[in-house]
N, C-alpha and C. Protein backbone atom coordinates (compact mmCIF):
# COMPACT_ATOMS: atom_id res chain seq x y z
N UNK A 1 81.14 53.77 102.94
CA UNK A 1 81.57 54.24 104.24
C UNK A 1 81.01 55.65 104.46
N UNK A 2 80.49 55.89 105.63
CA UNK A 2 79.93 57.20 105.93
C UNK A 2 81.05 58.21 106.18
N UNK A 3 80.68 59.49 106.12
CA UNK A 3 81.66 60.55 106.39
C UNK A 3 82.24 60.44 107.79
N UNK A 4 81.39 60.06 108.73
CA UNK A 4 81.84 59.93 110.12
C UNK A 4 82.90 58.84 110.25
N UNK A 5 82.68 57.71 109.59
CA UNK A 5 83.65 56.62 109.64
C UNK A 5 84.94 56.99 108.91
N UNK A 6 84.82 57.68 107.78
CA UNK A 6 86.00 58.10 107.02
C UNK A 6 86.82 59.11 107.82
N UNK A 7 86.13 60.02 108.50
CA UNK A 7 86.82 61.02 109.33
C UNK A 7 87.57 60.33 110.46
N UNK A 8 86.91 59.39 111.13
CA UNK A 8 87.53 58.68 112.25
C UNK A 8 88.73 57.86 111.77
N UNK A 9 88.58 57.19 110.62
CA UNK A 9 89.67 56.39 110.08
C UNK A 9 90.87 57.26 109.73
N UNK A 10 90.63 58.43 109.13
CA UNK A 10 91.71 59.35 108.80
C UNK A 10 92.39 59.88 110.06
N UNK A 11 91.60 60.15 111.08
CA UNK A 11 92.14 60.63 112.36
C UNK A 11 93.03 59.56 113.00
N UNK A 12 92.56 58.34 113.04
CA UNK A 12 93.35 57.25 113.63
C UNK A 12 94.62 57.01 112.84
N UNK A 13 94.55 57.10 111.51
CA UNK A 13 95.74 56.93 110.68
C UNK A 13 96.77 58.02 110.99
N UNK A 14 96.30 59.25 111.18
CA UNK A 14 97.20 60.36 111.51
C UNK A 14 97.85 60.14 112.88
N UNK A 15 97.07 59.75 113.87
CA UNK A 15 97.60 59.49 115.21
C UNK A 15 98.62 58.36 115.17
N UNK A 16 98.29 57.28 114.46
CA UNK A 16 99.21 56.15 114.37
C UNK A 16 100.52 56.55 113.70
N UNK A 17 100.44 57.35 112.65
CA UNK A 17 101.65 57.82 111.97
C UNK A 17 102.52 58.66 112.88
N UNK A 18 101.90 59.55 113.64
CA UNK A 18 102.65 60.39 114.58
C UNK A 18 103.30 59.54 115.66
N UNK A 19 102.58 58.55 116.17
CA UNK A 19 103.15 57.68 117.20
C UNK A 19 104.30 56.84 116.67
N UNK A 20 104.21 56.39 115.43
CA UNK A 20 105.31 55.62 114.84
C UNK A 20 106.56 56.49 114.72
N UNK A 21 106.40 57.72 114.24
CA UNK A 21 107.55 58.63 114.12
C UNK A 21 108.16 58.88 115.49
N UNK A 22 107.32 59.16 116.48
CA UNK A 22 107.82 59.43 117.82
C UNK A 22 108.53 58.21 118.40
N UNK A 23 108.00 57.02 118.18
CA UNK A 23 108.62 55.80 118.67
C UNK A 23 109.98 55.59 118.03
N UNK A 24 110.06 55.77 116.72
CA UNK A 24 111.32 55.58 116.02
C UNK A 24 112.38 56.55 116.54
N UNK A 25 112.00 57.81 116.72
CA UNK A 25 112.97 58.81 117.17
C UNK A 25 113.36 58.58 118.63
N UNK A 26 112.39 58.37 119.51
CA UNK A 26 112.72 58.27 120.93
C UNK A 26 113.30 56.89 121.29
N UNK A 27 112.64 55.82 120.90
CA UNK A 27 113.11 54.49 121.26
C UNK A 27 114.20 54.00 120.32
N UNK A 28 113.97 54.15 119.02
CA UNK A 28 114.94 53.66 118.04
C UNK A 28 116.25 54.41 118.07
N UNK A 29 116.19 55.74 117.91
CA UNK A 29 117.42 56.54 117.88
C UNK A 29 118.00 56.76 119.26
N UNK A 30 117.15 56.89 120.27
CA UNK A 30 117.63 57.20 121.62
C UNK A 30 118.09 56.01 122.42
N UNK A 31 117.64 54.79 122.06
CA UNK A 31 118.00 53.61 122.85
C UNK A 31 118.65 52.54 121.98
N UNK A 32 117.97 52.11 120.94
CA UNK A 32 118.46 50.97 120.16
C UNK A 32 119.69 51.33 119.32
N UNK A 33 119.65 52.45 118.61
CA UNK A 33 120.74 52.83 117.71
C UNK A 33 121.72 53.82 118.33
N UNK A 34 121.70 53.95 119.65
CA UNK A 34 122.52 54.97 120.30
C UNK A 34 124.01 54.75 120.05
N UNK A 35 124.47 53.53 120.06
CA UNK A 35 125.90 53.28 119.87
C UNK A 35 126.36 53.68 118.46
N UNK A 36 125.56 53.35 117.46
CA UNK A 36 125.92 53.72 116.09
C UNK A 36 125.86 55.24 115.90
N UNK A 37 124.87 55.88 116.50
CA UNK A 37 124.73 57.33 116.35
C UNK A 37 125.78 58.09 117.14
N UNK A 38 126.33 57.49 118.19
CA UNK A 38 127.35 58.17 118.99
C UNK A 38 128.65 58.39 118.23
N UNK A 39 128.83 57.72 117.11
CA UNK A 39 130.03 57.95 116.30
C UNK A 39 129.94 59.27 115.54
N UNK A 40 128.76 59.90 115.54
CA UNK A 40 128.56 61.19 114.88
C UNK A 40 128.42 62.26 115.96
N UNK A 41 129.03 63.41 115.73
CA UNK A 41 128.99 64.49 116.71
C UNK A 41 128.09 65.62 116.21
N UNK A 42 127.32 66.20 117.11
CA UNK A 42 126.42 67.32 116.79
C UNK A 42 126.62 68.40 117.84
N UNK A 43 127.27 69.48 117.46
CA UNK A 43 127.50 70.57 118.40
C UNK A 43 128.35 70.17 119.59
N UNK A 44 129.27 69.25 119.40
CA UNK A 44 130.13 68.82 120.50
C UNK A 44 129.56 67.67 121.30
N UNK A 45 128.34 67.25 121.00
CA UNK A 45 127.72 66.13 121.72
C UNK A 45 127.57 64.95 120.77
N UNK A 46 127.60 63.77 121.33
CA UNK A 46 127.37 62.58 120.53
C UNK A 46 125.91 62.57 120.08
N UNK A 47 125.67 62.19 118.83
CA UNK A 47 124.32 62.26 118.27
C UNK A 47 123.33 61.35 118.99
N UNK A 48 123.78 60.17 119.41
CA UNK A 48 122.91 59.27 120.16
C UNK A 48 122.46 59.88 121.48
N UNK A 49 123.40 60.51 122.17
CA UNK A 49 123.07 61.20 123.43
C UNK A 49 122.10 62.34 123.16
N UNK A 50 122.34 63.09 122.07
CA UNK A 50 121.46 64.22 121.74
C UNK A 50 120.04 63.74 121.48
N UNK A 51 119.89 62.66 120.72
CA UNK A 51 118.54 62.14 120.46
C UNK A 51 117.87 61.69 121.74
N UNK A 52 118.61 61.05 122.62
CA UNK A 52 118.04 60.56 123.87
C UNK A 52 117.62 61.72 124.77
N UNK A 53 118.38 62.80 124.77
CA UNK A 53 118.11 63.91 125.68
C UNK A 53 117.24 65.02 125.08
N UNK A 54 117.48 65.38 123.83
CA UNK A 54 116.81 66.53 123.24
C UNK A 54 115.99 66.19 121.99
N UNK A 55 116.52 65.33 121.16
CA UNK A 55 115.90 65.05 119.86
C UNK A 55 114.48 64.54 119.97
N UNK A 56 114.23 63.64 120.91
CA UNK A 56 112.88 63.10 121.05
C UNK A 56 111.91 64.17 121.54
N UNK A 57 112.38 65.08 122.37
CA UNK A 57 111.52 66.16 122.86
C UNK A 57 111.19 67.12 121.73
N UNK A 58 112.20 67.51 120.93
CA UNK A 58 111.96 68.39 119.79
C UNK A 58 111.01 67.74 118.78
N UNK A 59 111.20 66.46 118.56
CA UNK A 59 110.32 65.74 117.64
C UNK A 59 108.90 65.72 118.17
N UNK A 60 108.72 65.50 119.47
CA UNK A 60 107.39 65.48 120.06
C UNK A 60 106.71 66.84 119.91
N UNK A 61 107.42 67.92 120.15
CA UNK A 61 106.85 69.26 120.00
C UNK A 61 106.48 69.52 118.54
N UNK A 62 107.36 69.12 117.61
CA UNK A 62 107.05 69.24 116.19
C UNK A 62 105.79 68.45 115.84
N UNK A 63 105.66 67.23 116.37
CA UNK A 63 104.49 66.40 116.07
C UNK A 63 103.20 67.01 116.60
N UNK A 64 103.28 67.72 117.71
CA UNK A 64 102.08 68.39 118.24
C UNK A 64 101.59 69.43 117.24
N UNK A 65 102.49 70.26 116.72
CA UNK A 65 102.10 71.28 115.75
C UNK A 65 101.67 70.64 114.43
N UNK A 66 102.37 69.60 114.00
CA UNK A 66 102.00 68.90 112.78
C UNK A 66 100.60 68.29 112.90
N UNK A 67 100.31 67.66 114.04
CA UNK A 67 99.00 67.05 114.26
C UNK A 67 97.90 68.11 114.24
N UNK A 68 98.12 69.22 114.89
CA UNK A 68 97.11 70.29 114.91
C UNK A 68 96.87 70.82 113.50
N UNK A 69 97.94 71.02 112.73
CA UNK A 69 97.81 71.51 111.36
C UNK A 69 97.03 70.53 110.49
N UNK A 70 97.41 69.23 110.57
CA UNK A 70 96.72 68.22 109.76
C UNK A 70 95.27 68.02 110.19
N UNK A 71 94.99 68.10 111.48
CA UNK A 71 93.61 67.96 111.94
C UNK A 71 92.76 69.12 111.48
N UNK A 72 93.32 70.32 111.43
CA UNK A 72 92.57 71.46 110.91
C UNK A 72 92.20 71.23 109.45
N UNK A 73 93.15 70.71 108.66
CA UNK A 73 92.86 70.39 107.26
C UNK A 73 91.82 69.28 107.16
N UNK A 74 91.93 68.27 108.01
CA UNK A 74 90.98 67.17 108.01
C UNK A 74 89.59 67.64 108.42
N UNK A 75 89.52 68.51 109.42
CA UNK A 75 88.24 69.06 109.85
C UNK A 75 87.55 69.83 108.73
N UNK A 76 88.32 70.61 107.99
CA UNK A 76 87.75 71.36 106.88
C UNK A 76 87.29 70.42 105.76
N UNK A 77 88.05 69.39 105.51
CA UNK A 77 87.70 68.43 104.46
C UNK A 77 86.36 67.75 104.76
N UNK A 78 86.12 67.41 106.02
CA UNK A 78 84.89 66.73 106.41
C UNK A 78 83.84 67.70 106.97
N UNK A 79 84.11 69.00 106.87
CA UNK A 79 83.19 70.05 107.28
C UNK A 79 82.76 69.91 108.76
N UNK A 80 83.74 69.69 109.63
CA UNK A 80 83.48 69.65 111.06
C UNK A 80 84.34 70.68 111.80
N UNK A 81 84.85 71.66 111.05
CA UNK A 81 85.75 72.64 111.64
C UNK A 81 84.96 73.66 112.47
N UNK A 82 85.69 74.32 113.37
CA UNK A 82 85.10 75.36 114.20
C UNK A 82 85.33 76.71 113.53
N UNK A 83 84.38 77.57 113.66
CA UNK A 83 84.54 78.92 113.08
C UNK A 83 85.04 79.90 114.09
């Protein structure tokens, strides 16, 4: 496999992993498991409600920074980074 193909495969794997985490947090915790999570309280709010309203947004922002950090490492590994 060429470096270009390996770089692209690693990039797609990273994107897919981030999307899976985001899907689990936003759809899974915010919609599917909301009733079970509502039995737990976080700062006076039901946890299911918190995930639906705030948790998925915080997770998305975290994933943006995580993706940028991992892509910088990946760029350096394959010597395609910007100086």
